[in-house]
Amino acid sequence: MKRYPRRSSQSAATAEPPSAPIDANSMLLYYEVVNFGSINRAAVQLDIPKATISRRLRGLEQHVGAVLLKRGARKLSMTSSGEALYQHCEKLLAAAEGARAAVTDLQAESSGKLQIATAMGLRSWVNRALASFALRYPQVELVVEETHRWIDVSEEPYDISIHLGPIRNERLPVRRLAQLERGLYASPGYLRGRIALRTAADLAAHSCIVLPQQLDDGLWRLPTSGEFIKPRARVSDIVLARELSLSGVGLAILPRALCASDVTQGKLVRVLADTWPIPPLVASATYLERRYLPLRIRALLEVIAAEFNSDGNRPMPGESCERASDLDHI
């Protein structure tokens, strides 16, 4: 009978896992030590203890499995293995410098991609601002989503999110764009033949088109009883509220600039302007980081703010960029 050699326990054992990646910092330290010509000089120039440098160099030699330096009494020189590693260190340093330069250029240039989320009710301002920005900065790729959701740029893949009303994440930097004056509007057809509106208490006898945020802010609370007005319609988009008001469905709280042309053309009428003051609505933008804000983001924020203010909205006082916790919640 033919006998086959028994497999040794060593050959049957599972292969050892690959070694850990080489420490790039140790490679760069080795590169600097060679350039300085001695560990002592490197320790002084780099402000690193001599013992730390020696320990890291020994660890690097152990990792690559070769002696890298000849440590003579007067002189430090490389072995052939050390020379080979030194060349790779040069390439590593060049790659790191290239990466830094690429990121710096991207920060400083008006190019690259911009992902933007914007609230539905800001369409008339944001669309004009995006068109102006796109023509001024043709090298920037714009990716825009119009949404009813509140977008947190720290959790979703957007560079800028443009909001109406309070900021929900107070850790984010915020650029306050404008204060939008608001009023109560209705079509002449709706008002014809109905109970005259003299005070806010008269709203109880009227059909009202409301947004959830307006209810949360207490805007539709009757001043006499403190109870909320029963809505005729609840909508999530201020543009839709305007369209329903134009169609004669009921009264709606709208930004003045959004319906200024409708008022001029006689399609909408402002009511209770003197007896029921409505606080302005803050339009603002959040972004991820204030310290390293790329030029393309800074430029877009300026264009959007200018577009808001061109409609006669009140510009926000004070500095342009701040923390969301500093924003007055209206």
C-alpha atoms as a PDB file:
ATOM      1  CA  MET A   1       0.000   0.000   0.000  1.00  0.00           C
ATOM      2  CA  LYS A   2       1.307   3.423  -0.975  1.00  0.00           C
ATOM      3  CA  ARG A   3       1.826   5.715   1.961  1.00  0.00           C
ATOM      4  CA  TYR A   4       1.321   9.447   1.692  1.00  0.00           C
ATOM      5  CA  PRO A   5       3.324  11.815   3.869  1.00  0.00           C
ATOM      6  CA  ARG A   6       1.372  13.220   6.785  1.00  0.00           C
ATOM      7  CA  ARG A   7       0.771  16.949   6.680  1.00  0.00           C
ATOM      8  CA  SER A   8       2.639  18.756   9.415  1.00  0.00           C
ATOM      9  CA  SER A   9       0.728  20.795  11.938  1.00  0.00           C
ATOM     10  CA  GLN A  10       2.507  23.894  10.633  1.00  0.00           C
ATOM     11  CA  SER A  11       1.367  23.396   7.020  1.00  0.00           C
ATOM     12  CA  ALA A  12      -2.151  22.550   8.148  1.00  0.00           C
ATOM     13  CA  ALA A  13      -2.416  25.670  10.229  1.00  0.00           C
ATOM     14  CA  THR A  14      -4.293  28.656   8.916  1.00  0.00           C
ATOM     15  CA  ALA A  15      -2.124  31.165   7.130  1.00  0.00           C
ATOM     16  CA  GLU A  16      -1.155  34.163   9.220  1.00  0.00           C
ATOM     17  CA  PRO A  17      -3.123  37.313   8.512  1.00  0.00           C
ATOM     18  CA  PRO A  18      -1.320  40.021   6.574  1.00  0.00           C
ATOM     19  CA  SER A  19       0.643  42.519   8.620  1.00  0.00           C
ATOM     20  CA  ALA A  20      -0.829  45.881   9.530  1.00  0.00           C
ATOM     21  CA  PRO A  21      -0.317  48.776   7.076  1.00  0.00           C
ATOM     22  CA  ILE A  22       2.939  50.646   7.474  1.00  0.00           C
ATOM     23  CA  ASP A  23       2.750  53.824   9.565  1.00  0.00           C
ATOM     24  CA  ALA A  24       2.981  56.755   7.152  1.00  0.00           C
ATOM     25  CA  ASN A  25       3.940  59.120   9.985  1.00  0.00           C
ATOM     26  CA  SER A  26       6.911  56.929  10.886  1.00  0.00           C
ATOM     27  CA  MET A  27       7.980  56.942   7.241  1.00  0.00           C
ATOM     28  CA  LEU A  28       7.883  60.746   7.144  1.00  0.00           C
ATOM     29  CA  LEU A  29       9.802  60.913  10.431  1.00  0.00           C
ATOM     30  CA  TYR A  30      12.458  58.623   8.945  1.00  0.00           C
ATOM     31  CA  TYR A  31      12.611  60.917   5.907  1.00  0.00           C
ATOM     32  CA  GLU A  32      13.188  63.970   8.117  1.00  0.00           C
ATOM     33  CA  VAL A  33      15.862  62.226  10.229  1.00  0.00           C
ATOM     34  CA  VAL A  34      17.804  61.346   7.091  1.00  0.00           C
ATOM     35  CA  ASN A  35      17.526  64.940   5.833  1.00  0.00           C
ATOM     36  CA  PHE A  36      18.731  66.376   9.156  1.00  0.00           C
ATOM     37  CA  GLY A  37      21.624  63.924   9.206  1.00  0.00           C
ATOM     38  CA  SER A  38      21.252  62.903  12.855  1.00  0.00           C
ATOM     39  CA  ILE A  39      18.644  61.923  15.398  1.00  0.00           C
ATOM     40  CA  ASN A  40      19.818  64.679  17.768  1.00  0.00           C
ATOM     41  CA  ARG A  41      19.370  67.418  15.182  1.00  0.00           C
ATOM     42  CA  ALA A  42      15.986  66.019  14.141  1.00  0.00           C
ATOM     43  CA  ALA A  43      14.850  65.974  17.785  1.00  0.00           C
ATOM     44  CA  VAL A  44      15.717  69.661  18.194  1.00  0.00           C
ATOM     45  CA  GLN A  45      14.230  70.830  14.890  1.00  0.00           C
ATOM     46  CA  LEU A  46      11.041  68.754  15.128  1.00  0.00           C
ATOM     47  CA  ASP A  47      10.621  69.271  18.886  1.00  0.00           C
ATOM     48  CA  ILE A  48      10.272  65.519  19.437  1.00  0.00           C
ATOM     49  CA  PRO A  49      12.165  63.694  22.225  1.00  0.00           C
ATOM     50  CA  LYS A  50      15.194  61.760  20.996  1.00  0.00           C
ATOM     51  CA  ALA A  51      13.941  58.599  22.708  1.00  0.00           C
ATOM     52  CA  THR A  52      10.614  58.850  20.855  1.00  0.00           C
ATOM     53  CA  ILE A  53      12.357  59.179  17.501  1.00  0.00           C
ATOM     54  CA  SER A  54      14.633  56.204  18.233  1.00  0.00           C
ATOM     55  CA  ARG A  55      11.667  54.079  19.336  1.00  0.00           C
ATOM     56  CA  ARG A  56       9.649  54.884  16.224  1.00  0.00           C
ATOM     57  CA  LEU A  57      12.608  54.216  13.920  1.00  0.00           C
ATOM     58  CA  ARG A  58      13.176  50.825  15.562  1.00  0.00           C
ATOM     59  CA  GLY A  59       9.487  50.067  15.119  1.00  0.00           C
ATOM     60  CA  LEU A  60       9.693  51.009  11.451  1.00  0.00           C
ATOM     61  CA  GLU A  61      12.697  48.737  10.927  1.00  0.00           C
ATOM     62  CA  GLN A  62      10.879  45.919  12.678  1.00  0.00           C
ATOM     63  CA  HIS A  63       7.825  46.470  10.502  1.00  0.00           C
ATOM     64  CA  VAL A  64       9.744  46.348   7.180  1.00  0.00           C
ATOM     65  CA  GLY A  65      12.102  43.637   8.426  1.00  0.00           C
ATOM     66  CA  ALA A  66      15.298  45.460   7.518  1.00  0.00           C
ATOM     67  CA  VAL A  67      17.929  47.730   8.998  1.00  0.00           C
ATOM     68  CA  LEU A  68      17.429  51.200   7.537  1.00  0.00           C
ATOM     69  CA  LEU A  69      20.164  53.293   9.146  1.00  0.00           C
ATOM     70  CA  LYS A  70      23.825  52.843  10.021  1.00  0.00           C
ATOM     71  CA  ARG A  71      24.228  54.610  13.343  1.00  0.00           C
ATOM     72  CA  GLY A  72      27.904  55.515  13.461  1.00  0.00           C
ATOM     73  CA  ALA A  73      29.575  57.531  16.221  1.00  0.00           C
ATOM     74  CA  ARG A  74      29.857  60.631  14.039  1.00  0.00           C
ATOM     75  CA  LYS A  75      27.570  59.968  11.147  1.00  0.00           C
ATOM     76  CA  LEU A  76      24.151  58.588  10.258  1.00  0.00           C
ATOM     77  CA  SER A  77      23.838  56.906   6.872  1.00  0.00           C
ATOM     78  CA  MET A  78      21.309  54.782   5.027  1.00  0.00           C
ATOM     79  CA  THR A  79      21.589  51.118   4.172  1.00  0.00           C
ATOM     80  CA  SER A  80      20.513  49.939   0.715  1.00  0.00           C
ATOM     81  CA  SER A  81      17.111  49.063   2.204  1.00  0.00           C
ATOM     82  CA  GLY A  82      16.990  52.507   3.797  1.00  0.00           C
ATOM     83  CA  GLU A  83      17.693  54.157   0.445  1.00  0.00           C
ATOM     84  CA  ALA A  84      14.827  52.237  -1.171  1.00  0.00           C
ATOM     85  CA  LEU A  85      12.438  53.287   1.593  1.00  0.00           C
ATOM     86  CA  TYR A  86      13.664  56.898   1.387  1.00  0.00           C
ATOM     87  CA  GLN A  87      12.601  57.075  -2.273  1.00  0.00           C
ATOM     88  CA  HIS A  88       9.113  55.885  -1.334  1.00  0.00           C
ATOM     89  CA  CYS A  89       9.019  58.476   1.444  1.00  0.00           C
ATOM     90  CA  GLU A  90       9.693  61.180  -1.123  1.00  0.00           C
ATOM     91  CA  LYS A  91       6.764  59.922  -3.210  1.00  0.00           C
ATOM     92  CA  LEU A  92       4.531  59.808  -0.124  1.00  0.00           C
ATOM     93  CA  LEU A  93       5.391  63.391   0.767  1.00  0.00           C
ATOM     94  CA  ALA A  94       4.785  64.535  -2.819  1.00  0.00           C
ATOM     95  CA  ALA A  95       1.392  62.799  -2.833  1.00  0.00           C
ATOM     96  CA  ALA A  96       0.450  64.451   0.462  1.00  0.00           C
ATOM     97  CA  GLU A  97       1.428  67.869  -0.863  1.00  0.00           C
ATOM     98  CA  GLY A  98      -0.543  67.206  -4.040  1.00  0.00           C
ATOM     99  CA  ALA A  99      -3.636  66.284  -2.009  1.00  0.00           C
ATOM    100  CA  ARG A 100      -3.302  69.423   0.096  1.00  0.00           C
ATOM    101  CA  ALA A 101      -2.944  71.594  -3.000  1.00  0.00           C
ATOM    102  CA  ALA A 102      -5.983  69.972  -4.648  1.00  0.00           C
ATOM    103  CA  VAL A 103      -8.172  70.591  -1.613  1.00  0.00           C
ATOM    104  CA  THR A 104      -6.879  74.156  -1.238  1.00  0.00           C
ATOM    105  CA  ASP A 105      -7.609  74.886  -4.893  1.00  0.00           C
ATOM    106  CA  LEU A 106     -11.125  73.450  -4.559  1.00  0.00           C
ATOM    107  CA  GLN A 107     -11.766  75.660  -1.532  1.00  0.00           C
ATOM    108  CA  ALA A 108     -10.456  78.773  -3.234  1.00  0.00           C
ATOM    109  CA  GLU A 109     -11.906  78.310  -6.719  1.00  0.00           C
ATOM    110  CA  SER A 110     -15.473  78.824  -7.906  1.00  0.00           C
ATOM    111  CA  SER A 111     -15.756  75.292  -9.240  1.00  0.00           C
ATOM    112  CA  GLY A 112     -16.888  71.850  -8.159  1.00  0.00           C
ATOM    113  CA  LYS A 113     -20.332  70.580  -7.175  1.00  0.00           C
ATOM    114  CA  LEU A 114     -22.873  72.283  -4.926  1.00  0.00           C
ATOM    115  CA  GLN A 115     -25.752  70.253  -3.469  1.00  0.00           C
ATOM    116  CA  ILE A 116     -28.595  72.478  -2.300  1.00  0.00           C
ATOM    117  CA  ALA A 117     -31.878  71.761  -0.529  1.00  0.00           C
ATOM    118  CA  THR A 118     -34.499  74.504  -0.402  1.00  0.00           C
ATOM    119  CA  ALA A 119     -37.914  74.905   1.166  1.00  0.00           C
ATOM    120  CA  MET A 120     -40.823  74.875  -1.290  1.00  0.00           C
ATOM    121  CA  GLY A 121     -42.095  78.291  -0.256  1.00  0.00           C
ATOM    122  CA  LEU A 122     -38.879  80.029  -1.295  1.00  0.00           C
ATOM    123  CA  ARG A 123     -39.072  79.070  -4.946  1.00  0.00           C
ATOM    124  CA  SER A 124     -39.574  82.564  -6.354  1.00  0.00           C
ATOM    125  CA  TRP A 125     -36.405  83.912  -4.681  1.00  0.00           C
ATOM    126  CA  VAL A 126     -34.167  80.862  -4.798  1.00  0.00           C
ATOM    127  CA  ASN A 127     -34.846  80.066  -8.462  1.00  0.00           C
ATOM    128  CA  ARG A 128     -33.803  83.571  -9.537  1.00  0.00           C
ATOM    129  CA  ALA A 129     -30.715  83.400  -7.311  1.00  0.00           C
ATOM    130  CA  LEU A 130     -29.675  80.004  -8.724  1.00  0.00           C
ATOM    131  CA  ALA A 131     -30.073  81.263 -12.293  1.00  0.00           C
ATOM    132  CA  SER A 132     -27.943  84.328 -11.537  1.00  0.00           C
ATOM    133  CA  PHE A 133     -25.295  82.206  -9.777  1.00  0.00           C
ATOM    134  CA  ALA A 134     -25.164  79.623 -12.592  1.00  0.00           C
ATOM    135  CA  LEU A 135     -24.521  82.327 -15.178  1.00  0.00           C
ATOM    136  CA  ARG A 136     -21.866  83.998 -13.025  1.00  0.00           C
ATOM    137  CA  TYR A 137     -20.059  80.761 -12.073  1.00  0.00           C
ATOM    138  CA  PRO A 138     -20.331  78.342 -15.030  1.00  0.00           C
ATOM    139  CA  GLN A 139     -17.745  75.949 -13.570  1.00  0.00           C
ATOM    140  CA  VAL A 140     -19.956  75.072 -10.580  1.00  0.00           C
ATOM    141  CA  GLU A 141     -22.291  72.085 -10.964  1.00  0.00           C
ATOM    142  CA  LEU A 142     -25.607  72.698  -9.167  1.00  0.00           C
ATOM    143  CA  VAL A 143     -27.664  69.838  -7.705  1.00  0.00           C
ATOM    144  CA  VAL A 144     -30.915  71.237  -6.283  1.00  0.00           C
ATOM    145  CA  GLU A 145     -33.771  69.584  -4.390  1.00  0.00           C
ATOM    146  CA  GLU A 146     -36.960  71.408  -3.469  1.00  0.00           C
ATOM    147  CA  THR A 147     -38.529  69.788  -0.422  1.00  0.00           C
ATOM    148  CA  HIS A 148     -41.113  70.108   2.331  1.00  0.00           C
ATOM    149  CA  ARG A 149     -38.737  68.418   4.793  1.00  0.00           C
ATOM    150  CA  TRP A 150     -36.400  70.164   7.196  1.00  0.00           C
ATOM    151  CA  ILE A 151     -32.919  69.201   5.956  1.00  0.00           C
ATOM    152  CA  ASP A 152     -30.027  68.788   8.400  1.00  0.00           C
ATOM    153  CA  VAL A 153     -26.802  69.244   6.419  1.00  0.00           C
ATOM    154  CA  SER A 154     -24.828  67.425   9.122  1.00  0.00           C
ATOM    155  CA  GLU A 155     -26.787  64.237   8.406  1.00  0.00           C
ATOM    156  CA  GLU A 156     -27.667  64.460   4.709  1.00  0.00           C
ATOM    157  CA  PRO A 157     -25.500  64.981   1.598  1.00  0.00           C
ATOM    158  CA  TYR A 158     -26.150  68.686   1.080  1.00  0.00           C
ATOM    159  CA  ASP A 159     -23.763  71.639   1.183  1.00  0.00           C
ATOM    160  CA  ILE A 160     -26.473  74.232   1.855  1.00  0.00           C
ATOM    161  CA  SER A 161     -30.047  73.994   3.108  1.00  0.00           C
ATOM    162  CA  ILE A 162     -32.369  76.997   2.831  1.00  0.00           C
ATOM    163  CA  HIS A 163     -35.152  77.177   5.417  1.00  0.00           C
ATOM    164  CA  LEU A 164     -38.197  79.133   6.462  1.00  0.00           C
ATOM    165  CA  GLY A 165     -38.686  79.648  10.182  1.00  0.00           C
ATOM    166  CA  PRO A 166     -36.789  78.220  13.174  1.00  0.00           C
ATOM    167  CA  ILE A 167     -33.546  76.261  12.850  1.00  0.00           C
ATOM    168  CA  ARG A 168     -33.872  72.829  14.459  1.00  0.00           C
ATOM    169  CA  ASN A 169     -30.172  71.988  14.812  1.00  0.00           C
ATOM    170  CA  GLU A 170     -28.618  74.803  16.834  1.00  0.00           C
ATOM    171  CA  ARG A 171     -25.085  73.451  16.384  1.00  0.00           C
ATOM    172  CA  LEU A 172     -25.051  74.370  12.692  1.00  0.00           C
ATOM    173  CA  PRO A 173     -23.709  77.675  11.377  1.00  0.00           C
ATOM    174  CA  VAL A 174     -26.503  79.763   9.888  1.00  0.00           C
ATOM    175  CA  ARG A 175     -26.701  82.648   7.432  1.00  0.00           C
ATOM    176  CA  ARG A 176     -29.813  84.718   8.037  1.00  0.00           C
ATOM    177  CA  LEU A 177     -30.971  85.886   4.623  1.00  0.00           C
ATOM    178  CA  ALA A 178     -33.979  88.154   5.153  1.00  0.00           C
ATOM    179  CA  GLN A 179     -37.070  88.884   7.199  1.00  0.00           C
ATOM    180  CA  LEU A 180     -40.149  88.314   5.048  1.00  0.00           C
ATOM    181  CA  GLU A 181     -42.981  90.670   5.936  1.00  0.00           C
ATOM    182  CA  ARG A 182     -46.257  88.752   6.129  1.00  0.00           C
ATOM    183  CA  GLY A 183     -49.913  89.669   5.936  1.00  0.00           C
ATOM    184  CA  LEU A 184     -53.382  88.142   5.732  1.00  0.00           C
ATOM    185  CA  TYR A 185     -54.662  87.937   2.166  1.00  0.00           C
ATOM    186  CA  ALA A 186     -57.836  86.857   0.365  1.00  0.00           C
ATOM    187  CA  SER A 187     -59.319  87.224  -3.103  1.00  0.00           C
ATOM    188  CA  PRO A 188     -62.000  89.884  -3.697  1.00  0.00           C
ATOM    189  CA  GLY A 189     -64.348  87.107  -4.789  1.00  0.00           C
ATOM    190  CA  TYR A 190     -63.981  85.344  -1.446  1.00  0.00           C
ATOM    191  CA  LEU A 191     -64.552  88.539   0.575  1.00  0.00           C
ATOM    192  CA  ARG A 192     -67.612  89.576  -1.413  1.00  0.00           C
ATOM    193  CA  GLY A 193     -70.818  88.954   0.574  1.00  0.00           C
ATOM    194  CA  ARG A 194     -69.034  87.635   3.689  1.00  0.00           C
ATOM    195  CA  ILE A 195     -68.794  89.016   7.200  1.00  0.00           C
ATOM    196  CA  ALA A 196     -66.515  92.057   7.189  1.00  0.00           C
ATOM    197  CA  LEU A 197     -63.134  91.559   8.822  1.00  0.00           C
ATOM    198  CA  ARG A 198     -62.554  94.280  11.428  1.00  0.00           C
ATOM    199  CA  THR A 199     -60.649  92.403  14.148  1.00  0.00           C
ATOM    200  CA  ALA A 200     -58.891  89.041  14.484  1.00  0.00           C
ATOM    201  CA  ALA A 201     -61.937  87.715  16.375  1.00  0.00           C
ATOM    202  CA  ASP A 202     -63.893  87.857  13.095  1.00  0.00           C
ATOM    203  CA  LEU A 203     -61.648  85.103  11.678  1.00  0.00           C
ATOM    204  CA  ALA A 204     -63.763  82.513  13.494  1.00  0.00           C
ATOM    205  CA  ALA A 205     -66.497  83.051  10.879  1.00  0.00           C
ATOM    206  CA  HIS A 206     -64.141  82.668   7.892  1.00  0.00           C
ATOM    207  CA  SER A 207     -62.397  79.913   5.939  1.00  0.00           C
ATOM    208  CA  CYS A 208     -58.674  79.873   6.631  1.00  0.00           C
ATOM    209  CA  ILE A 209     -55.808  78.183   4.782  1.00  0.00           C
ATOM    210  CA  VAL A 210     -53.051  77.322   7.243  1.00  0.00           C
ATOM    211  CA  LEU A 211     -49.574  75.826   7.284  1.00  0.00           C
ATOM    212  CA  PRO A 212     -48.413  73.491  10.106  1.00  0.00           C
ATOM    213  CA  GLN A 213     -45.543  75.852  10.975  1.00  0.00           C
ATOM    214  CA  GLN A 214     -47.990  78.720  11.374  1.00  0.00           C
ATOM    215  CA  LEU A 215     -50.042  76.639  13.818  1.00  0.00           C
ATOM    216  CA  ASP A 216     -46.880  75.723  15.737  1.00  0.00           C
ATOM    217  CA  ASP A 217     -45.998  79.420  15.972  1.00  0.00           C
ATOM    218  CA  GLY A 218     -49.461  80.247  17.327  1.00  0.00           C
ATOM    219  CA  LEU A 219     -50.355  82.604  14.488  1.00  0.00           C
ATOM    220  CA  TRP A 220     -53.907  81.286  14.079  1.00  0.00           C
ATOM    221  CA  ARG A 221     -54.899  81.611  17.738  1.00  0.00           C
ATOM    222  CA  LEU A 222     -57.953  83.788  18.409  1.00  0.00           C
ATOM    223  CA  PRO A 223     -56.984  86.686  20.699  1.00  0.00           C
ATOM    224  CA  THR A 224     -60.308  86.645  22.596  1.00  0.00           C
ATOM    225  CA  SER A 225     -60.630  82.946  23.516  1.00  0.00           C
ATOM    226  CA  GLY A 226     -57.059  81.746  22.964  1.00  0.00           C
ATOM    227  CA  GLU A 227     -58.402  78.879  20.868  1.00  0.00           C
ATOM    228  CA  PHE A 228     -57.043  77.984  17.452  1.00  0.00           C
ATOM    229  CA  ILE A 229     -59.044  78.757  14.340  1.00  0.00           C
ATOM    230  CA  LYS A 230     -60.500  75.664  12.705  1.00  0.00           C
ATOM    231  CA  PRO A 231     -58.763  75.477   9.293  1.00  0.00           C
ATOM    232  CA  ARG A 232     -60.632  75.178   6.046  1.00  0.00           C
ATOM    233  CA  ALA A 233     -57.480  73.680   4.509  1.00  0.00           C
ATOM    234  CA  ARG A 234     -54.090  72.565   5.822  1.00  0.00           C
ATOM    235  CA  VAL A 235     -51.220  72.719   3.327  1.00  0.00           C
ATOM    236  CA  SER A 236     -47.470  72.210   3.636  1.00  0.00           C
ATOM    237  CA  ASP A 237     -46.448  74.652   0.886  1.00  0.00           C
ATOM    238  CA  ILE A 238     -46.843  78.419   1.090  1.00  0.00           C
ATOM    239  CA  VAL A 239     -47.067  78.599  -2.721  1.00  0.00           C
ATOM    240  CA  LEU A 240     -50.058  76.247  -2.620  1.00  0.00           C
ATOM    241  CA  ALA A 241     -51.629  78.420   0.091  1.00  0.00           C
ATOM    242  CA  ARG A 242     -51.324  81.390  -2.266  1.00  0.00           C
ATOM    243  CA  GLU A 243     -52.912  79.458  -5.138  1.00  0.00           C
ATOM    244  CA  LEU A 244     -55.868  78.413  -2.982  1.00  0.00           C
ATOM    245  CA  SER A 245     -56.326  81.964  -1.772  1.00  0.00           C
ATOM    246  CA  LEU A 246     -56.292  83.242  -5.362  1.00  0.00           C
ATOM    247  CA  SER A 247     -58.966  80.649  -6.196  1.00  0.00           C
ATOM    248  CA  GLY A 248     -61.266  81.999  -3.491  1.00  0.00           C
ATOM    249  CA  VAL A 249     -60.938  79.128  -1.015  1.00  0.00           C
ATOM    250  CA  GLY A 250     -60.191  81.383   1.944  1.00  0.00           C
ATOM    251  CA  LEU A 251     -57.754  83.583   3.853  1.00  0.00           C
ATOM    252  CA  ALA A 252     -54.018  82.845   3.972  1.00  0.00           C
ATOM    253  CA  ILE A 253     -50.999  84.297   5.763  1.00  0.00           C
ATOM    254  CA  LEU A 254     -48.503  85.005   2.989  1.00  0.00           C
ATOM    255  CA  PRO A 255     -45.193  86.838   2.524  1.00  0.00           C
ATOM    256  CA  ARG A 256     -45.842  90.288   1.099  1.00  0.00           C
ATOM    257  CA  ALA A 257     -43.228  89.890  -1.629  1.00  0.00           C
ATOM    258  CA  LEU A 258     -44.777  86.596  -2.771  1.00  0.00           C
ATOM    259  CA  CYS A 259     -48.127  88.173  -3.572  1.00  0.00           C
ATOM    260  CA  ALA A 260     -47.188  91.802  -4.312  1.00  0.00           C
ATOM    261  CA  SER A 261     -48.033  91.456  -8.018  1.00  0.00           C
ATOM    262  CA  ASP A 262     -51.363  89.800  -7.142  1.00  0.00           C
ATOM    263  CA  VAL A 263     -52.268  92.797  -4.987  1.00  0.00           C
ATOM    264  CA  THR A 264     -51.234  95.221  -7.744  1.00  0.00           C
ATOM    265  CA  GLN A 265     -53.414  93.358 -10.243  1.00  0.00           C
ATOM    266  CA  GLY A 266     -56.372  93.243  -7.849  1.00  0.00           C
ATOM    267  CA  LYS A 267     -56.303  89.463  -7.502  1.00  0.00           C
ATOM    268  CA  LEU A 268     -55.612  89.538  -3.741  1.00  0.00           C
ATOM    269  CA  VAL A 269     -56.481  91.991  -0.990  1.00  0.00           C
ATOM    270  CA  ARG A 270     -54.678  92.417   2.313  1.00  0.00           C
ATOM    271  CA  VAL A 271     -56.981  92.493   5.338  1.00  0.00           C
ATOM    272  CA  LEU A 272     -56.531  93.285   9.054  1.00  0.00           C
ATOM    273  CA  ALA A 273     -53.233  95.023   8.245  1.00  0.00           C
ATOM    274  CA  ASP A 274     -53.695  97.558  11.050  1.00  0.00           C
ATOM    275  CA  THR A 275     -55.497  95.453  13.657  1.00  0.00           C
ATOM    276  CA  TRP A 276     -53.737  92.055  13.465  1.00  0.00           C
ATOM    277  CA  PRO A 277     -49.932  92.384  13.252  1.00  0.00           C
ATOM    278  CA  ILE A 278     -48.144  89.249  12.057  1.00  0.00           C
ATOM    279  CA  PRO A 279     -44.445  88.811  12.845  1.00  0.00           C
ATOM    280  CA  PRO A 280     -42.064  88.473   9.867  1.00  0.00           C
ATOM    281  CA  LEU A 281     -40.798  85.102   8.731  1.00  0.00           C
ATOM    282  CA  VAL A 282     -37.040  84.514   8.791  1.00  0.00           C
ATOM    283  CA  ALA A 283     -35.455  82.935   5.732  1.00  0.00           C
ATOM    284  CA  SER A 284     -32.065  81.418   6.504  1.00  0.00           C
ATOM    285  CA  ALA A 285     -29.455  78.996   5.193  1.00  0.00           C
ATOM    286  CA  THR A 286     -27.472  76.397   7.111  1.00  0.00           C
ATOM    287  CA  TYR A 287     -24.202  74.816   6.054  1.00  0.00           C
ATOM    288  CA  LEU A 288     -21.735  72.391   7.561  1.00  0.00           C
ATOM    289  CA  GLU A 289     -18.695  74.360   8.703  1.00  0.00           C
ATOM    290  CA  ARG A 290     -17.908  78.032   9.103  1.00  0.00           C
ATOM    291  CA  ARG A 291     -14.107  77.815   9.425  1.00  0.00           C
ATOM    292  CA  TYR A 292     -13.378  76.230   6.036  1.00  0.00           C
ATOM    293  CA  LEU A 293     -16.241  77.604   3.959  1.00  0.00           C
ATOM    294  CA  PRO A 294     -15.465  77.079   0.234  1.00  0.00           C
ATOM    295  CA  LEU A 295     -15.660  80.095  -2.032  1.00  0.00           C
ATOM    296  CA  ARG A 296     -18.494  78.586  -4.094  1.00  0.00           C
ATOM    297  CA  ILE A 297     -20.706  78.231  -0.996  1.00  0.00           C
ATOM    298  CA  ARG A 298     -19.865  81.715   0.254  1.00  0.00           C
ATOM    299  CA  ALA A 299     -20.613  83.175  -3.187  1.00  0.00           C
ATOM    300  CA  LEU A 300     -23.981  81.399  -3.449  1.00  0.00           C
ATOM    301  CA  LEU A 301     -25.054  82.635  -0.017  1.00  0.00           C
ATOM    302  CA  GLU A 302     -24.277  86.202  -1.065  1.00  0.00           C
ATOM    303  CA  VAL A 303     -26.265  85.866  -4.296  1.00  0.00           C
ATOM    304  CA  ILE A 304     -29.299  84.395  -2.493  1.00  0.00           C
ATOM    305  CA  ALA A 305     -29.232  87.105   0.200  1.00  0.00           C
ATOM    306  CA  ALA A 306     -29.061  89.805  -2.494  1.00  0.00           C
ATOM    307  CA  GLU A 307     -32.038  88.261  -4.303  1.00  0.00           C
ATOM    308  CA  PHE A 308     -34.159  88.279  -1.149  1.00  0.00           C
ATOM    309  CA  ASN A 309     -33.316  91.888  -0.379  1.00  0.00           C
ATOM    310  CA  SER A 310     -33.991  93.024  -3.958  1.00  0.00           C
ATOM    311  CA  ASP A 311     -37.689  92.325  -3.353  1.00  0.00           C
ATOM    312  CA  GLY A 312     -37.839  94.854  -0.546  1.00  0.00           C
ATOM    313  CA  ASN A 313     -37.591  92.317   2.266  1.00  0.00           C
ATOM    314  CA  ARG A 314     -35.865  93.527   5.390  1.00  0.00           C
ATOM    315  CA  PRO A 315     -32.202  92.450   5.466  1.00  0.00           C
ATOM    316  CA  MET A 316     -31.056  90.730   8.611  1.00  0.00           C
ATOM    317  CA  PRO A 317     -29.001  93.009  10.894  1.00  0.00           C
ATOM    318  CA  GLY A 318     -25.558  92.157  12.230  1.00  0.00           C
ATOM    319  CA  GLU A 319     -22.957  89.765  10.901  1.00  0.00           C
ATOM    320  CA  SER A 320     -23.817  87.442   8.062  1.00  0.00           C
ATOM    321  CA  CYS A 321     -22.770  84.124   9.590  1.00  0.00           C
ATOM    322  CA  GLU A 322     -23.545  82.915  13.080  1.00  0.00           C
ATOM    323  CA  ARG A 323     -24.638  79.897  15.064  1.00  0.00           C
ATOM    324  CA  ALA A 324     -28.240  78.762  14.805  1.00  0.00           C
ATOM    325  CA  SER A 325     -28.647  79.288  18.554  1.00  0.00           C
ATOM    326  CA  ASP A 326     -28.284  83.033  17.891  1.00  0.00           C
ATOM    327  CA  LEU A 327     -31.190  83.067  15.433  1.00  0.00           C
ATOM    328  CA  ASP A 328     -34.373  84.680  16.734  1.00  0.00           C
ATOM    329  CA  HIS A 329     -37.032  82.009  16.518  1.00  0.00           C
ATOM    330  CA  ILE A 330     -40.199  83.586  15.257  1.00  0.00           C
END
